[in-house]
Amino acid sequence: MNDRATAMRRRLAVALLVVGLLAGGSAVLLWSATRSALGDVPMSTSPASSSPTAMPAVPVAPTPSAGPTAPATPTPAPLQDIAGTPVHVTVLQAGAPLIDADVNRIQLDEDGWLSPDQGLAGWYGPPQWETVPGNLSAYRGIIVGHNVTGYGTKDVFYDLGQVRAGDSVVITYALQAGGYATAGFTVTQDAQSAPKQDVVAQAATTYRWVWQVDAPERSLALFSCDLDAPHIDGHSVDNWIVTAVRVS
């Protein structure tokens, strides 16, 4: 493993331990088209007649001309990296918003905590984690958020555990060149609840899917606490994890 991958793994190990809610609310396609090729079909012929008498002509119904050929389905243009910063995330279920939150960039603080502000989701970005959600990488882009505030009210990722495979995620980016762009993602599996400690300790084996992909792709992972899990000192021991792949 190269130094960069090692450094990223060390950071993720610290990060996941703290994706949660402290008591005070501080911390937490190759598009492939298959074609069927038809070979040459031999024309059926009648054997030559031995009689010299010409057979009367048999009227033949006119062959209908073929209709217009349907236009070929255009091949989708390859997705491109987005030179920008995530500023908003929306999760849609049956077309209705389930999660809708502004996003800012966050880093591990001096104590090693990953602490999105209340009322905001946090994109774990450069220089500590280099993947922009939706850009081509062997590592997933990471966005985290609280599910409850320090006052016990709902926060931005309260419904993350309700996300299901096939739901949509839309990320809005502020572009470096000015203006905004969006990217669409499809959730790959139902929200998964996993022990924080195991996701870190088994990051290279059982829970590798949380952080990495088998081949570079444009993917995303969303994290929050699982409030239904056991708590230790007021902290949930499990996280909800949602993975998605970019489709537009």
C-alpha atoms as a PDB file:
ATOM      1  CA  MET A   1       0.000   0.000   0.000  1.00  0.00           C
ATOM      2  CA  ASN A   2       1.399   3.390  -0.923  1.00  0.00           C
ATOM      3  CA  ASP A   3       1.930   6.191   1.578  1.00  0.00           C
ATOM      4  CA  ARG A   4      -1.106   8.135   0.385  1.00  0.00           C
ATOM      5  CA  ALA A   5      -3.454   5.169   0.843  1.00  0.00           C
ATOM      6  CA  THR A   6      -1.960   4.454   4.267  1.00  0.00           C
ATOM      7  CA  ALA A   7      -2.431   8.045   5.357  1.00  0.00           C
ATOM      8  CA  MET A   8      -6.020   8.106   4.139  1.00  0.00           C
ATOM      9  CA  ARG A   9      -6.803   4.893   6.002  1.00  0.00           C
ATOM     10  CA  ARG A  10      -5.339   6.260   9.209  1.00  0.00           C
ATOM     11  CA  ARG A  11      -7.503   9.337   8.878  1.00  0.00           C
ATOM     12  CA  LEU A  12     -10.651   7.366   8.185  1.00  0.00           C
ATOM     13  CA  ALA A  13      -9.965   5.211  11.219  1.00  0.00           C
ATOM     14  CA  VAL A  14      -9.954   8.305  13.391  1.00  0.00           C
ATOM     15  CA  ALA A  15     -12.875   9.873  11.566  1.00  0.00           C
ATOM     16  CA  LEU A  16     -15.324   7.029  11.897  1.00  0.00           C
ATOM     17  CA  LEU A  17     -14.772   6.704  15.591  1.00  0.00           C
ATOM     18  CA  VAL A  18     -16.142  10.176  15.991  1.00  0.00           C
ATOM     19  CA  VAL A  19     -18.961  10.303  13.472  1.00  0.00           C
ATOM     20  CA  GLY A  20     -21.581  10.527  16.128  1.00  0.00           C
ATOM     21  CA  LEU A  21     -23.348  12.861  18.480  1.00  0.00           C
ATOM     22  CA  LEU A  22     -21.802  13.997  21.705  1.00  0.00           C
ATOM     23  CA  ALA A  23     -24.068  14.906  24.540  1.00  0.00           C
ATOM     24  CA  GLY A  24     -23.671  18.590  23.652  1.00  0.00           C
ATOM     25  CA  GLY A  25     -24.287  18.024  19.944  1.00  0.00           C
ATOM     26  CA  SER A  26     -20.644  18.716  19.000  1.00  0.00           C
ATOM     27  CA  ALA A  27     -19.299  15.623  17.460  1.00  0.00           C
ATOM     28  CA  VAL A  28     -20.227  12.577  15.324  1.00  0.00           C
ATOM     29  CA  LEU A  29     -22.461   2.137 -15.776  1.00  0.00           C
ATOM     30  CA  LEU A  30     -20.294   1.033 -18.256  1.00  0.00           C
ATOM     31  CA  TRP A  31     -23.334   1.446 -20.359  1.00  0.00           C
ATOM     32  CA  SER A  32     -23.389  -1.767 -22.315  1.00  0.00           C
ATOM     33  CA  ALA A  33     -25.804  -2.498 -25.069  1.00  0.00           C
ATOM     34  CA  THR A  34     -26.117  -6.064 -26.192  1.00  0.00           C
ATOM     35  CA  ARG A  35     -26.747  -6.679 -29.818  1.00  0.00           C
ATOM     36  CA  SER A  36     -28.045  -9.814 -31.519  1.00  0.00           C
ATOM     37  CA  ALA A  37     -26.351 -10.251 -34.864  1.00  0.00           C
ATOM     38  CA  LEU A  38     -28.310 -12.061 -37.532  1.00  0.00           C
ATOM     39  CA  GLY A  39     -26.379 -14.170 -40.024  1.00  0.00           C
ATOM     40  CA  ASP A  40     -27.264 -14.425 -43.689  1.00  0.00           C
ATOM     41  CA  VAL A  41     -30.606 -16.169 -44.150  1.00  0.00           C
ATOM     42  CA  PRO A  42     -30.660 -18.330 -47.341  1.00  0.00           C
ATOM     43  CA  MET A  43     -33.537 -17.564 -49.699  1.00  0.00           C
ATOM     44  CA  SER A  44     -35.826 -20.534 -50.315  1.00  0.00           C
ATOM     45  CA  THR A  45     -35.880 -21.688 -53.997  1.00  0.00           C
ATOM     46  CA  SER A  46     -38.091 -24.158 -55.808  1.00  0.00           C
ATOM     47  CA  PRO A  47     -36.468 -26.982 -57.833  1.00  0.00           C
ATOM     48  CA  ALA A  48     -36.394 -26.388 -61.607  1.00  0.00           C
ATOM     49  CA  SER A  49     -39.438 -27.753 -63.378  1.00  0.00           C
ATOM     50  CA  SER A  50     -38.876 -30.662 -65.835  1.00  0.00           C
ATOM     51  CA  SER A  51     -41.920 -29.597 -67.878  1.00  0.00           C
ATOM     52  CA  PRO A  52     -41.271 -27.249 -70.756  1.00  0.00           C
ATOM     53  CA  THR A  53     -44.737 -25.819 -70.302  1.00  0.00           C
ATOM     54  CA  ALA A  54     -44.523 -22.479 -68.674  1.00  0.00           C
ATOM     55  CA  MET A  55     -46.499 -22.234 -65.517  1.00  0.00           C
ATOM     56  CA  PRO A  56     -48.990 -19.461 -65.346  1.00  0.00           C
ATOM     57  CA  ALA A  57     -47.819 -16.526 -63.429  1.00  0.00           C
ATOM     58  CA  VAL A  58     -48.973 -16.449 -59.869  1.00  0.00           C
ATOM     59  CA  PRO A  59     -49.777 -13.006 -58.640  1.00  0.00           C
ATOM     60  CA  VAL A  60     -47.595 -12.071 -55.733  1.00  0.00           C
ATOM     61  CA  ALA A  61     -48.772  -9.656 -53.140  1.00  0.00           C
ATOM     62  CA  PRO A  62     -46.580  -6.609 -52.982  1.00  0.00           C
ATOM     63  CA  THR A  63     -44.091  -6.684 -50.181  1.00  0.00           C
ATOM     64  CA  PRO A  64     -44.787  -3.848 -47.816  1.00  0.00           C
ATOM     65  CA  SER A  65     -41.950  -1.460 -47.575  1.00  0.00           C
ATOM     66  CA  ALA A  66     -40.159  -1.407 -44.283  1.00  0.00           C
ATOM     67  CA  GLY A  67     -41.171   1.361 -41.962  1.00  0.00           C
ATOM     68  CA  PRO A  68     -38.775   4.057 -40.961  1.00  0.00           C
ATOM     69  CA  THR A  69     -35.911   2.782 -38.853  1.00  0.00           C
ATOM     70  CA  ALA A  70     -36.129   3.910 -35.278  1.00  0.00           C
ATOM     71  CA  PRO A  71     -33.228   6.134 -34.326  1.00  0.00           C
ATOM     72  CA  ALA A  72     -30.558   4.408 -32.309  1.00  0.00           C
ATOM     73  CA  THR A  73     -30.550   5.176 -28.612  1.00  0.00           C
ATOM     74  CA  PRO A  74     -27.712   7.602 -28.040  1.00  0.00           C
ATOM     75  CA  THR A  75     -24.901   6.407 -25.836  1.00  0.00           C
ATOM     76  CA  PRO A  76     -24.797   8.510 -22.670  1.00  0.00           C
ATOM     77  CA  ALA A  77     -21.874  10.882 -22.520  1.00  0.00           C
ATOM     78  CA  PRO A  78     -19.204   9.829 -20.028  1.00  0.00           C
ATOM     79  CA  LEU A  79     -19.514  11.471 -16.644  1.00  0.00           C
ATOM     80  CA  GLN A  80     -16.904  14.079 -15.878  1.00  0.00           C
ATOM     81  CA  ASP A  81     -15.278  15.185 -12.654  1.00  0.00           C
ATOM     82  CA  ILE A  82     -16.740  18.322 -11.134  1.00  0.00           C
ATOM     83  CA  ALA A  83     -14.315  21.084 -10.226  1.00  0.00           C
ATOM     84  CA  GLY A  84     -16.232  22.374  -7.266  1.00  0.00           C
ATOM     85  CA  THR A  85     -17.224  21.997  -3.646  1.00  0.00           C
ATOM     86  CA  PRO A  86     -20.370  20.243  -2.369  1.00  0.00           C
ATOM     87  CA  VAL A  87     -22.706  22.802  -0.835  1.00  0.00           C
ATOM     88  CA  HIS A  88     -26.045  20.954  -0.612  1.00  0.00           C
ATOM     89  CA  VAL A  89     -27.293  17.380  -0.356  1.00  0.00           C
ATOM     90  CA  THR A  90     -30.822  16.111  -0.979  1.00  0.00           C
ATOM     91  CA  VAL A  91     -32.036  12.533  -0.603  1.00  0.00           C
ATOM     92  CA  LEU A  92     -35.262  11.776  -2.463  1.00  0.00           C
ATOM     93  CA  GLN A  93     -37.565   8.855  -1.743  1.00  0.00           C
ATOM     94  CA  ALA A  94     -40.468   8.309  -4.152  1.00  0.00           C
ATOM     95  CA  GLY A  95     -39.700  11.800  -5.445  1.00  0.00           C
ATOM     96  CA  ALA A  96     -40.114  13.511  -2.072  1.00  0.00           C
ATOM     97  CA  PRO A  97     -37.239  14.958  -0.024  1.00  0.00           C
ATOM     98  CA  LEU A  98     -36.232  12.754   2.882  1.00  0.00           C
ATOM     99  CA  ILE A  99     -33.057  14.699   3.660  1.00  0.00           C
ATOM    100  CA  ASP A 100     -32.349  18.259   2.518  1.00  0.00           C
ATOM    101  CA  ALA A 101     -29.340  20.023   3.968  1.00  0.00           C
ATOM    102  CA  ASP A 102     -26.666  22.569   3.216  1.00  0.00           C
ATOM    103  CA  VAL A 103     -23.111  21.227   3.315  1.00  0.00           C
ATOM    104  CA  ASN A 104     -19.832  22.758   4.393  1.00  0.00           C
ATOM    105  CA  ARG A 105     -16.324  21.324   4.322  1.00  0.00           C
ATOM    106  CA  ILE A 106     -15.012  19.948   7.575  1.00  0.00           C
ATOM    107  CA  GLN A 107     -11.773  18.488   8.880  1.00  0.00           C
ATOM    108  CA  LEU A 108     -10.737  16.534  11.921  1.00  0.00           C
ATOM    109  CA  ASP A 109     -10.297  18.981  14.762  1.00  0.00           C
ATOM    110  CA  GLU A 110      -7.242  19.092  16.999  1.00  0.00           C
ATOM    111  CA  ASP A 111      -8.702  16.369  19.185  1.00  0.00           C
ATOM    112  CA  GLY A 112      -9.339  14.094  16.198  1.00  0.00           C
ATOM    113  CA  TRP A 113     -13.066  14.713  16.087  1.00  0.00           C
ATOM    114  CA  LEU A 114     -15.137  15.058  12.917  1.00  0.00           C
ATOM    115  CA  SER A 115     -17.763  17.557  13.990  1.00  0.00           C
ATOM    116  CA  PRO A 116     -20.292  18.968  11.514  1.00  0.00           C
ATOM    117  CA  ASP A 117     -22.168  22.005  12.733  1.00  0.00           C
ATOM    118  CA  GLN A 118     -25.709  21.522  13.900  1.00  0.00           C
ATOM    119  CA  GLY A 119     -28.121  22.215  11.069  1.00  0.00           C
ATOM    120  CA  LEU A 120     -25.478  21.432   8.439  1.00  0.00           C
ATOM    121  CA  ALA A 121     -24.024  18.319   6.846  1.00  0.00           C
ATOM    122  CA  GLY A 122     -20.247  18.091   6.655  1.00  0.00           C
ATOM    123  CA  TRP A 123     -18.159  17.064   3.662  1.00  0.00           C
ATOM    124  CA  TYR A 124     -14.919  15.482   4.826  1.00  0.00           C
ATOM    125  CA  GLY A 125     -12.665  17.076   2.220  1.00  0.00           C
ATOM    126  CA  PRO A 126      -9.105  18.055   1.351  1.00  0.00           C
ATOM    127  CA  PRO A 127      -6.467  18.058   2.520  1.00  0.00           C
ATOM    128  CA  GLN A 128      -7.321  15.235   4.906  1.00  0.00           C
ATOM    129  CA  TRP A 129      -9.654  13.326   2.556  1.00  0.00           C
ATOM    130  CA  GLU A 130      -9.268  14.091  -1.128  1.00  0.00           C
ATOM    131  CA  THR A 131     -12.358  12.566  -2.734  1.00  0.00           C
ATOM    132  CA  VAL A 132     -15.027  14.946  -4.007  1.00  0.00           C
ATOM    133  CA  PRO A 133     -18.330  13.024  -3.994  1.00  0.00           C
ATOM    134  CA  GLY A 134     -19.112  12.022  -7.567  1.00  0.00           C
ATOM    135  CA  ASN A 135     -15.565  12.368  -8.876  1.00  0.00           C
ATOM    136  CA  LEU A 136     -13.627   9.323 -10.052  1.00  0.00           C
ATOM    137  CA  SER A 137     -11.765   7.705  -7.165  1.00  0.00           C
ATOM    138  CA  ALA A 138     -11.012   4.389  -5.488  1.00  0.00           C
ATOM    139  CA  TYR A 139     -12.297   5.986  -2.277  1.00  0.00           C
ATOM    140  CA  ARG A 140     -15.820   7.172  -1.606  1.00  0.00           C
ATOM    141  CA  GLY A 141     -16.680  10.791  -1.033  1.00  0.00           C
ATOM    142  CA  ILE A 142     -17.825  11.222   2.574  1.00  0.00           C
ATOM    143  CA  ILE A 143     -20.620  13.396   3.950  1.00  0.00           C
ATOM    144  CA  VAL A 144     -21.669  13.183   7.586  1.00  0.00           C
ATOM    145  CA  GLY A 145     -24.421  14.753   9.650  1.00  0.00           C
ATOM    146  CA  HIS A 146     -26.111  14.657  13.022  1.00  0.00           C
ATOM    147  CA  ASN A 147     -29.532  13.106  13.472  1.00  0.00           C
ATOM    148  CA  VAL A 148     -30.434  15.053  16.607  1.00  0.00           C
ATOM    149  CA  THR A 149     -29.203  18.344  17.988  1.00  0.00           C
ATOM    150  CA  GLY A 150     -27.799  18.993  21.408  1.00  0.00           C
ATOM    151  CA  TYR A 151     -31.315  20.095  22.368  1.00  0.00           C
ATOM    152  CA  GLY A 152     -32.817  16.747  21.412  1.00  0.00           C
ATOM    153  CA  THR A 153     -34.566  18.039  18.299  1.00  0.00           C
ATOM    154  CA  LYS A 154     -34.229  16.529  14.824  1.00  0.00           C
ATOM    155  CA  ASP A 155     -31.104  17.419  12.893  1.00  0.00           C
ATOM    156  CA  VAL A 156     -30.295  17.156   9.183  1.00  0.00           C
ATOM    157  CA  PHE A 157     -29.629  13.390   8.943  1.00  0.00           C
ATOM    158  CA  TYR A 158     -32.409  12.283  11.292  1.00  0.00           C
ATOM    159  CA  ASP A 159     -33.988  10.107   8.577  1.00  0.00           C
ATOM    160  CA  LEU A 160     -30.799   8.576   7.168  1.00  0.00           C
ATOM    161  CA  GLY A 161     -31.788   5.144   8.482  1.00  0.00           C
ATOM    162  CA  GLN A 162     -34.940   5.275   6.340  1.00  0.00           C
ATOM    163  CA  VAL A 163     -33.007   5.477   3.054  1.00  0.00           C
ATOM    164  CA  ARG A 164     -33.570   2.516   0.745  1.00  0.00           C
ATOM    165  CA  ALA A 165     -31.903   1.055  -2.342  1.00  0.00           C
ATOM    166  CA  GLY A 166     -33.015   2.929  -5.441  1.00  0.00           C
ATOM    167  CA  ASP A 167     -33.550   6.234  -3.655  1.00  0.00           C
ATOM    168  CA  SER A 168     -31.903   9.248  -5.243  1.00  0.00           C
ATOM    169  CA  VAL A 169     -29.237  11.594  -3.934  1.00  0.00           C
ATOM    170  CA  VAL A 170     -28.572  14.988  -5.493  1.00  0.00           C
ATOM    171  CA  ILE A 171     -25.426  16.928  -4.652  1.00  0.00           C
ATOM    172  CA  THR A 172     -25.142  20.616  -5.532  1.00  0.00           C
ATOM    173  CA  TYR A 173     -21.638  22.030  -6.050  1.00  0.00           C
ATOM    174  CA  ALA A 174     -20.276  25.551  -6.030  1.00  0.00           C
ATOM    175  CA  LEU A 175     -17.964  25.578  -9.048  1.00  0.00           C
ATOM    176  CA  GLN A 176     -14.448  26.951  -8.897  1.00  0.00           C
ATOM    177  CA  ALA A 177     -15.168  28.819 -12.145  1.00  0.00           C
ATOM    178  CA  GLY A 178     -18.337  30.320 -10.677  1.00  0.00           C
ATOM    179  CA  GLY A 179     -21.926  29.192 -10.671  1.00  0.00           C
ATOM    180  CA  TYR A 180     -23.351  25.875  -9.592  1.00  0.00           C
ATOM    181  CA  ALA A 181     -23.734  22.309 -10.889  1.00  0.00           C
ATOM    182  CA  THR A 182     -25.559  19.213  -9.692  1.00  0.00           C
ATOM    183  CA  ALA A 183     -24.841  15.485  -9.817  1.00  0.00           C
ATOM    184  CA  GLY A 184     -27.345  12.672  -9.349  1.00  0.00           C
ATOM    185  CA  PHE A 185     -26.674   9.424  -7.490  1.00  0.00           C
ATOM    186  CA  THR A 186     -28.607   6.204  -6.937  1.00  0.00           C
ATOM    187  CA  VAL A 187     -28.498   4.489  -3.549  1.00  0.00           C
ATOM    188  CA  THR A 188     -26.996   1.015  -3.942  1.00  0.00           C
ATOM    189  CA  GLN A 189     -28.462  -0.705  -0.871  1.00  0.00           C
ATOM    190  CA  ASP A 190     -30.715  -0.032   2.083  1.00  0.00           C
ATOM    191  CA  ALA A 191     -29.166   1.996   4.885  1.00  0.00           C
ATOM    192  CA  GLN A 192     -26.854  -0.258   6.887  1.00  0.00           C
ATOM    193  CA  SER A 193     -26.295  -0.038  10.623  1.00  0.00           C
ATOM    194  CA  ALA A 194     -22.792  -1.064  11.656  1.00  0.00           C
ATOM    195  CA  PRO A 195     -20.712  -0.841  14.839  1.00  0.00           C
ATOM    196  CA  LYS A 196     -18.353   2.112  14.651  1.00  0.00           C
ATOM    197  CA  GLN A 197     -15.479   0.175  16.165  1.00  0.00           C
ATOM    198  CA  ASP A 198     -15.860  -2.690  13.676  1.00  0.00           C
ATOM    199  CA  VAL A 199     -16.081  -0.380  10.687  1.00  0.00           C
ATOM    200  CA  VAL A 200     -12.685   0.968  11.718  1.00  0.00           C
ATOM    201  CA  ALA A 201     -11.018  -2.254  12.867  1.00  0.00           C
ATOM    202  CA  GLN A 202     -12.241  -4.175   9.799  1.00  0.00           C
ATOM    203  CA  ALA A 203     -11.822  -1.359   7.272  1.00  0.00           C
ATOM    204  CA  ALA A 204      -9.611  -3.549   5.071  1.00  0.00           C
ATOM    205  CA  THR A 205     -11.879  -6.615   5.212  1.00  0.00           C
ATOM    206  CA  THR A 206     -15.521  -6.830   6.253  1.00  0.00           C
ATOM    207  CA  TYR A 207     -16.197  -3.106   6.044  1.00  0.00           C
ATOM    208  CA  ARG A 208     -13.954  -2.228   3.131  1.00  0.00           C
ATOM    209  CA  TRP A 209     -17.124  -1.424   1.126  1.00  0.00           C
ATOM    210  CA  VAL A 210     -17.758   1.529   3.404  1.00  0.00           C
ATOM    211  CA  TRP A 211     -14.628   3.372   2.350  1.00  0.00           C
ATOM    212  CA  GLN A 212     -13.353   1.915  -0.905  1.00  0.00           C
ATOM    213  CA  VAL A 213     -14.568   0.416  -4.182  1.00  0.00           C
ATOM    214  CA  ASP A 214     -13.070  -2.435  -6.181  1.00  0.00           C
ATOM    215  CA  ALA A 215     -12.277  -0.176  -9.133  1.00  0.00           C
ATOM    216  CA  PRO A 216     -12.340   3.624  -9.320  1.00  0.00           C
ATOM    217  CA  GLU A 217     -15.887   4.908  -9.627  1.00  0.00           C
ATOM    218  CA  ARG A 218     -17.960   7.950  -8.722  1.00  0.00           C
ATOM    219  CA  SER A 219     -19.391   7.089  -5.336  1.00  0.00           C
ATOM    220  CA  LEU A 220     -20.564   8.553  -2.082  1.00  0.00           C
ATOM    221  CA  ALA A 221     -21.116   7.473   1.509  1.00  0.00           C
ATOM    222  CA  LEU A 222     -23.402   9.230   3.998  1.00  0.00           C
ATOM    223  CA  PHE A 223     -22.993   8.698   7.747  1.00  0.00           C
ATOM    224  CA  SER A 224     -24.953   9.427  10.904  1.00  0.00           C
ATOM    225  CA  CYS A 225     -25.606   7.795  14.259  1.00  0.00           C
ATOM    226  CA  ASP A 226     -28.126   5.011  14.740  1.00  0.00           C
ATOM    227  CA  LEU A 227     -30.245   6.245  17.617  1.00  0.00           C
ATOM    228  CA  ASP A 228     -31.769   2.787  18.138  1.00  0.00           C
ATOM    229  CA  ALA A 229     -28.376   1.241  18.863  1.00  0.00           C
ATOM    230  CA  PRO A 230     -27.004   0.882  22.397  1.00  0.00           C
ATOM    231  CA  HIS A 231     -25.400   3.967  23.871  1.00  0.00           C
ATOM    232  CA  ILE A 232     -22.264   4.341  25.966  1.00  0.00           C
ATOM    233  CA  ASP A 233     -21.820   7.594  27.868  1.00  0.00           C
ATOM    234  CA  GLY A 234     -24.576   9.109  25.774  1.00  0.00           C
ATOM    235  CA  HIS A 235     -23.050   8.080  22.458  1.00  0.00           C
ATOM    236  CA  SER A 236     -24.538   5.605  19.997  1.00  0.00           C
ATOM    237  CA  VAL A 237     -22.140   2.745  19.297  1.00  0.00           C
ATOM    238  CA  ASP A 238     -23.445   2.256  15.739  1.00  0.00           C
ATOM    239  CA  ASN A 239     -23.620   4.357  12.595  1.00  0.00           C
ATOM    240  CA  TRP A 240     -26.106   4.414   9.761  1.00  0.00           C
ATOM    241  CA  ILE A 241     -24.220   4.169   6.464  1.00  0.00           C
ATOM    242  CA  VAL A 242     -25.704   4.865   3.021  1.00  0.00           C
ATOM    243  CA  THR A 243     -23.728   4.262  -0.180  1.00  0.00           C
ATOM    244  CA  ALA A 244     -24.617   5.644  -3.598  1.00  0.00           C
ATOM    245  CA  VAL A 245     -23.131   5.731  -7.090  1.00  0.00           C
ATOM    246  CA  ARG A 246     -23.277   8.675  -9.470  1.00  0.00           C
ATOM    247  CA  VAL A 247     -25.572   8.301 -12.500  1.00  0.00           C
ATOM    248  CA  SER A 248     -25.775  11.841 -13.900  1.00  0.00           C
END
